[in-house]
Amino acid sequence: MSRSFGELAAAIDGQQRRSLDEMAEDMLRPMLQEWLDDNLPTLVERLVREEIERVARGPRR
């Protein structure tokens, strides 16, 4: 969090000329990567298991 505010302050001071969108993207990327690392394997496993169960039940009559 501190690093992000430091980067924002540096951008405002004119040391970096980037758009707000670029700064937001750079700040959000590590948070998104952490969330994906923490949650994606479990999410994929659950969805695959549900799909296998659905296919194994066969067509509905």
PDB file of N, CA and C in Angstrom:
ATOM      1  N   MET A   1       0.835  -1.173   0.000  1.00  0.00           N
ATOM      2  CA  MET A   1       0.000   0.000   0.000  1.00  0.00           C
ATOM      3  C   MET A   1       0.886   1.244   0.000  1.00  0.00           C
ATOM      4  N   SER A   2       1.900   1.213   0.821  1.00  0.00           N
ATOM      5  CA  SER A   2       2.807   2.358   0.912  1.00  0.00           C
ATOM      6  C   SER A   2       3.508   2.603  -0.414  1.00  0.00           C
ATOM      7  N   ARG A   3       3.934   1.505  -1.052  1.00  0.00           N
ATOM      8  CA  ARG A   3       4.610   1.625  -2.348  1.00  0.00           C
ATOM      9  C   ARG A   3       3.685   2.259  -3.385  1.00  0.00           C
ATOM     10  N   SER A   4       2.428   1.842  -3.362  1.00  0.00           N
ATOM     11  CA  SER A   4       1.457   2.375  -4.317  1.00  0.00           C
ATOM     12  C   SER A   4       1.269   3.871  -4.136  1.00  0.00           C
ATOM     13  N   PHE A   5       1.171   4.315  -2.875  1.00  0.00           N
ATOM     14  CA  PHE A   5       1.038   5.749  -2.628  1.00  0.00           C
ATOM     15  C   PHE A   5       2.308   6.491  -3.033  1.00  0.00           C
ATOM     16  N   GLY A   6       3.458   5.853  -2.835  1.00  0.00           N
ATOM     17  CA  GLY A   6       4.715   6.459  -3.269  1.00  0.00           C
ATOM     18  C   GLY A   6       4.762   6.646  -4.770  1.00  0.00           C
ATOM     19  N   GLU A   7       4.291   5.634  -5.502  1.00  0.00           N
ATOM     20  CA  GLU A   7       4.252   5.729  -6.958  1.00  0.00           C
ATOM     21  C   GLU A   7       3.289   6.818  -7.401  1.00  0.00           C
ATOM     22  N   LEU A   8       2.161   6.906  -6.724  1.00  0.00           N
ATOM     23  CA  LEU A   8       1.191   7.944  -7.049  1.00  0.00           C
ATOM     24  C   LEU A   8       1.775   9.327  -6.788  1.00  0.00           C
ATOM     25  N   ALA A   9       2.449   9.496  -5.660  1.00  0.00           N
ATOM     26  CA  ALA A   9       3.071  10.783  -5.336  1.00  0.00           C
ATOM     27  C   ALA A   9       4.136  11.144  -6.366  1.00  0.00           C
ATOM     28  N   ALA A  10       4.925  10.150  -6.792  1.00  0.00           N
ATOM     29  CA  ALA A  10       5.963  10.407  -7.793  1.00  0.00           C
ATOM     30  C   ALA A  10       5.340  10.840  -9.112  1.00  0.00           C
ATOM     31  N   ALA A  11       4.225  10.230  -9.469  1.00  0.00           N
ATOM     32  CA  ALA A  11       3.554  10.592 -10.722  1.00  0.00           C
ATOM     33  C   ALA A  11       3.006  12.010 -10.649  1.00  0.00           C
ATOM     34  N   ILE A  12       2.475  12.370  -9.510  1.00  0.00           N
ATOM     35  CA  ILE A  12       1.919  13.714  -9.349  1.00  0.00           C
ATOM     36  C   ILE A  12       3.032  14.760  -9.351  1.00  0.00           C
ATOM     37  N   ASP A  13       4.190  14.412  -8.800  1.00  0.00           N
ATOM     38  CA  ASP A  13       5.323  15.334  -8.766  1.00  0.00           C
ATOM     39  C   ASP A  13       5.935  15.553 -10.145  1.00  0.00           C
ATOM     40  N   GLY A  14       5.500  14.794 -11.126  1.00  0.00           N
ATOM     41  CA  GLY A  14       5.980  14.994 -12.487  1.00  0.00           C
ATOM     42  C   GLY A  14       7.187  14.137 -12.842  1.00  0.00           C
ATOM     43  N   GLN A  15       7.589  13.263 -11.938  1.00  0.00           N
ATOM     44  CA  GLN A  15       8.721  12.395 -12.248  1.00  0.00           C
ATOM     45  C   GLN A  15       8.324  11.340 -13.277  1.00  0.00           C
ATOM     46  N   GLN A  16       7.064  10.990 -13.280  1.00  0.00           N
ATOM     47  CA  GLN A  16       6.552  10.032 -14.248  1.00  0.00           C
ATOM     48  C   GLN A  16       5.343  10.669 -14.919  1.00  0.00           C
ATOM     49  N   ARG A  17       5.225  10.502 -16.216  1.00  0.00           N
ATOM     50  CA  ARG A  17       4.063  11.016 -16.945  1.00  0.00           C
ATOM     51  C   ARG A  17       3.271   9.830 -17.477  1.00  0.00           C
ATOM     52  N   ARG A  18       2.355   9.363 -16.659  1.00  0.00           N
ATOM     53  CA  ARG A  18       1.510   8.249 -17.073  1.00  0.00           C
ATOM     54  C   ARG A  18       0.061   8.625 -16.807  1.00  0.00           C
ATOM     55  N   SER A  19      -0.827   8.009 -17.553  1.00  0.00           N
ATOM     56  CA  SER A  19      -2.245   8.282 -17.348  1.00  0.00           C
ATOM     57  C   SER A  19      -2.715   7.616 -16.058  1.00  0.00           C
ATOM     58  N   LEU A  20      -3.829   8.086 -15.555  1.00  0.00           N
ATOM     59  CA  LEU A  20      -4.411   7.503 -14.353  1.00  0.00           C
ATOM     60  C   LEU A  20      -4.758   6.042 -14.597  1.00  0.00           C
ATOM     61  N   ASP A  21      -5.232   5.725 -15.798  1.00  0.00           N
ATOM     62  CA  ASP A  21      -5.540   4.337 -16.133  1.00  0.00           C
ATOM     63  C   ASP A  21      -4.306   3.451 -16.028  1.00  0.00           C
ATOM     64  N   GLU A  22      -3.175   3.926 -16.521  1.00  0.00           N
ATOM     65  CA  GLU A  22      -1.937   3.144 -16.447  1.00  0.00           C
ATOM     66  C   GLU A  22      -1.501   2.944 -15.006  1.00  0.00           C
ATOM     67  N   MET A  23      -1.609   3.997 -14.204  1.00  0.00           N
ATOM     68  CA  MET A  23      -1.230   3.874 -12.794  1.00  0.00           C
ATOM     69  C   MET A  23      -2.148   2.901 -12.065  1.00  0.00           C
ATOM     70  N   ALA A  24      -3.465   2.990 -12.328  1.00  0.00           N
ATOM     71  CA  ALA A  24      -4.412   2.081 -11.689  1.00  0.00           C
ATOM     72  C   ALA A  24      -4.128   0.644 -12.099  1.00  0.00           C
ATOM     73  N   GLU A  25      -3.832   0.435 -13.372  1.00  0.00           N
ATOM     74  CA  GLU A  25      -3.513  -0.906 -13.858  1.00  0.00           C
ATOM     75  C   GLU A  25      -2.289  -1.464 -13.149  1.00  0.00           C
ATOM     76  N   ASP A  26      -1.257  -0.663 -13.017  1.00  0.00           N
ATOM     77  CA  ASP A  26      -0.033  -1.104 -12.348  1.00  0.00           C
ATOM     78  C   ASP A  26      -0.271  -1.418 -10.877  1.00  0.00           C
ATOM     79  N   MET A  27      -1.146  -0.653 -10.236  1.00  0.00           N
ATOM     80  CA  MET A  27      -1.427  -0.889  -8.818  1.00  0.00           C
ATOM     81  C   MET A  27      -2.316  -2.119  -8.614  1.00  0.00           C
ATOM     82  N   LEU A  28      -3.237  -2.341  -9.539  1.00  0.00           N
ATOM     83  CA  LEU A  28      -4.169  -3.448  -9.389  1.00  0.00           C
ATOM     84  C   LEU A  28      -3.584  -4.791  -9.818  1.00  0.00           C
ATOM     85  N   ARG A  29      -2.626  -4.771 -10.730  1.00  0.00           N
ATOM     86  CA  ARG A  29      -2.071  -6.021 -11.260  1.00  0.00           C
ATOM     87  C   ARG A  29      -1.562  -6.961 -10.162  1.00  0.00           C
ATOM     88  N   PRO A  30      -0.751  -6.509  -9.195  1.00  0.00           N
ATOM     89  CA  PRO A  30      -0.289  -7.439  -8.151  1.00  0.00           C
ATOM     90  C   PRO A  30      -1.435  -7.965  -7.277  1.00  0.00           C
ATOM     91  N   MET A  31      -2.423  -7.129  -7.002  1.00  0.00           N
ATOM     92  CA  MET A  31      -3.555  -7.579  -6.194  1.00  0.00           C
ATOM     93  C   MET A  31      -4.358  -8.632  -6.947  1.00  0.00           C
ATOM     94  N   LEU A  32      -4.577  -8.399  -8.239  1.00  0.00           N
ATOM     95  CA  LEU A  32      -5.306  -9.367  -9.047  1.00  0.00           C
ATOM     96  C   LEU A  32      -4.525 -10.678  -9.149  1.00  0.00           C
ATOM     97  N   GLN A  33      -3.228 -10.595  -9.348  1.00  0.00           N
ATOM     98  CA  GLN A  33      -2.413 -11.804  -9.435  1.00  0.00           C
ATOM     99  C   GLN A  33      -2.465 -12.595  -8.134  1.00  0.00           C
ATOM    100  N   GLU A  34      -2.397 -11.912  -7.011  1.00  0.00           N
ATOM    101  CA  GLU A  34      -2.476 -12.587  -5.713  1.00  0.00           C
ATOM    102  C   GLU A  34      -3.837 -13.269  -5.549  1.00  0.00           C
ATOM    103  N   TRP A  35      -4.921 -12.560  -5.928  1.00  0.00           N
ATOM    104  CA  TRP A  35      -6.255 -13.137  -5.814  1.00  0.00           C
ATOM    105  C   TRP A  35      -6.374 -14.377  -6.693  1.00  0.00           C
ATOM    106  N   LEU A  36      -5.877 -14.276  -7.925  1.00  0.00           N
ATOM    107  CA  LEU A  36      -5.927 -15.426  -8.830  1.00  0.00           C
ATOM    108  C   LEU A  36      -5.125 -16.593  -8.277  1.00  0.00           C
ATOM    109  N   ASP A  37      -3.930 -16.325  -7.776  1.00  0.00           N
ATOM    110  CA  ASP A  37      -3.102 -17.385  -7.202  1.00  0.00           C
ATOM    111  C   ASP A  37      -3.805 -18.068  -6.031  1.00  0.00           C
ATOM    112  N   ASP A  38      -4.502 -17.282  -5.212  1.00  0.00           N
ATOM    113  CA  ASP A  38      -5.173 -17.816  -4.030  1.00  0.00           C
ATOM    114  C   ASP A  38      -6.471 -18.537  -4.360  1.00  0.00           C
ATOM    115  N   ASN A  39      -7.207 -18.087  -5.371  1.00  0.00           N
ATOM    116  CA  ASN A  39      -8.559 -18.567  -5.595  1.00  0.00           C
ATOM    117  C   ASN A  39      -8.795 -19.374  -6.861  1.00  0.00           C
ATOM    118  N   LEU A  40      -7.997 -19.168  -7.879  1.00  0.00           N
ATOM    119  CA  LEU A  40      -8.278 -19.814  -9.162  1.00  0.00           C
ATOM    120  C   LEU A  40      -8.207 -21.342  -9.099  1.00  0.00           C
ATOM    121  N   PRO A  41      -7.197 -21.943  -8.469  1.00  0.00           N
ATOM    122  CA  PRO A  41      -7.164 -23.414  -8.449  1.00  0.00           C
ATOM    123  C   PRO A  41      -8.417 -24.020  -7.812  1.00  0.00           C
ATOM    124  N   THR A  42      -8.851 -23.464  -6.695  1.00  0.00           N
ATOM    125  CA  THR A  42     -10.046 -23.975  -6.022  1.00  0.00           C
ATOM    126  C   THR A  42     -11.282 -23.766  -6.872  1.00  0.00           C
ATOM    127  N   LEU A  43     -11.386 -22.601  -7.493  1.00  0.00           N
ATOM    128  CA  LEU A  43     -12.530 -22.288  -8.343  1.00  0.00           C
ATOM    129  C   LEU A  43     -12.605 -23.245  -9.531  1.00  0.00           C
ATOM    130  N   VAL A  44     -11.487 -23.449 -10.203  1.00  0.00           N
ATOM    131  CA  VAL A  44     -11.452 -24.350 -11.364  1.00  0.00           C
ATOM    132  C   VAL A  44     -11.774 -25.771 -10.934  1.00  0.00           C
ATOM    133  N   GLU A  45     -11.199 -26.212  -9.819  1.00  0.00           N
ATOM    134  CA  GLU A  45     -11.457 -27.564  -9.340  1.00  0.00           C
ATOM    135  C   GLU A  45     -12.949 -27.773  -9.061  1.00  0.00           C
ATOM    136  N   ARG A  46     -13.578 -26.806  -8.404  1.00  0.00           N
ATOM    137  CA  ARG A  46     -15.000 -26.913  -8.086  1.00  0.00           C
ATOM    138  C   ARG A  46     -15.841 -26.958  -9.364  1.00  0.00           C
ATOM    139  N   LEU A  47     -15.534 -26.074 -10.311  1.00  0.00           N
ATOM    140  CA  LEU A  47     -16.315 -26.030 -11.550  1.00  0.00           C
ATOM    141  C   LEU A  47     -16.142 -27.297 -12.385  1.00  0.00           C
ATOM    142  N   VAL A  48     -14.926 -27.816 -12.433  1.00  0.00           N
ATOM    143  CA  VAL A  48     -14.689 -29.059 -13.184  1.00  0.00           C
ATOM    144  C   VAL A  48     -15.421 -30.213 -12.511  1.00  0.00           C
ATOM    145  N   ARG A  49     -15.362 -30.284 -11.179  1.00  0.00           N
ATOM    146  CA  ARG A  49     -16.059 -31.344 -10.452  1.00  0.00           C
ATOM    147  C   ARG A  49     -17.571 -31.271 -10.717  1.00  0.00           C
ATOM    148  N   GLU A  50     -18.135 -30.072 -10.664  1.00  0.00           N
ATOM    149  CA  GLU A  50     -19.568 -29.910 -10.928  1.00  0.00           C
ATOM    150  C   GLU A  50     -19.928 -30.335 -12.351  1.00  0.00           C
ATOM    151  N   GLU A  51     -19.074 -29.997 -13.305  1.00  0.00           N
ATOM    152  CA  GLU A  51     -19.347 -30.363 -14.695  1.00  0.00           C
ATOM    153  C   GLU A  51     -19.245 -31.867 -14.891  1.00  0.00           C
ATOM    154  N   ILE A  52     -18.265 -32.507 -14.263  1.00  0.00           N
ATOM    155  CA  ILE A  52     -18.136 -33.967 -14.363  1.00  0.00           C
ATOM    156  C   ILE A  52     -19.361 -34.636 -13.765  1.00  0.00           C
ATOM    157  N   GLU A  53     -19.822 -34.136 -12.617  1.00  0.00           N
ATOM    158  CA  GLU A  53     -21.026 -34.704 -11.995  1.00  0.00           C
ATOM    159  C   GLU A  53     -22.240 -34.522 -12.896  1.00  0.00           C
ATOM    160  N   ARG A  54     -22.355 -33.365 -13.534  1.00  0.00           N
ATOM    161  CA  ARG A  54     -23.479 -33.102 -14.423  1.00  0.00           C
ATOM    162  C   ARG A  54     -23.458 -34.055 -15.620  1.00  0.00           C
ATOM    163  N   VAL A  55     -22.290 -34.237 -16.222  1.00  0.00           N
ATOM    164  CA  VAL A  55     -22.165 -35.123 -17.381  1.00  0.00           C
ATOM    165  C   VAL A  55     -22.394 -36.575 -16.963  1.00  0.00           C
ATOM    166  N   ALA A  56     -21.910 -36.954 -15.779  1.00  0.00           N
ATOM    167  CA  ALA A  56     -22.050 -38.339 -15.321  1.00  0.00           C
ATOM    168  C   ALA A  56     -23.521 -38.691 -15.048  1.00  0.00           C
ATOM    169  N   ARG A  57     -24.314 -37.698 -14.668  1.00  0.00           N
ATOM    170  CA  ARG A  57     -25.744 -37.960 -14.422  1.00  0.00           C
ATOM    171  C   ARG A  57     -26.471 -38.277 -15.717  1.00  0.00           C
ATOM    172  N   GLY A  58     -25.923 -37.853 -16.821  1.00  0.00           N
ATOM    173  CA  GLY A  58     -26.552 -38.141 -18.111  1.00  0.00           C
ATOM    174  C   GLY A  58     -27.618 -37.120 -18.447  1.00  0.00           C
ATOM    175  N   PRO A  59     -28.235 -37.304 -19.614  1.00  0.00           N
ATOM    176  CA  PRO A  59     -29.256 -36.345 -20.060  1.00  0.00           C
ATOM    177  C   PRO A  59     -30.490 -36.394 -19.174  1.00  0.00           C
ATOM    178  N   ARG A  60     -31.105 -35.254 -19.018  1.00  0.00           N
ATOM    179  CA  ARG A  60     -32.347 -35.187 -18.237  1.00  0.00           C
ATOM    180  C   ARG A  60     -33.495 -35.731 -19.061  1.00  0.00           C
ATOM    181  N   ARG A  61     -34.418 -36.359 -18.390  1.00  0.00           N
ATOM    182  CA  ARG A  61     -35.558 -36.953 -19.112  1.00  0.00           C
ATOM    183  C   ARG A  61     -36.809 -36.214 -18.800  1.00  0.00           C
TER     184      ARG A  61
END
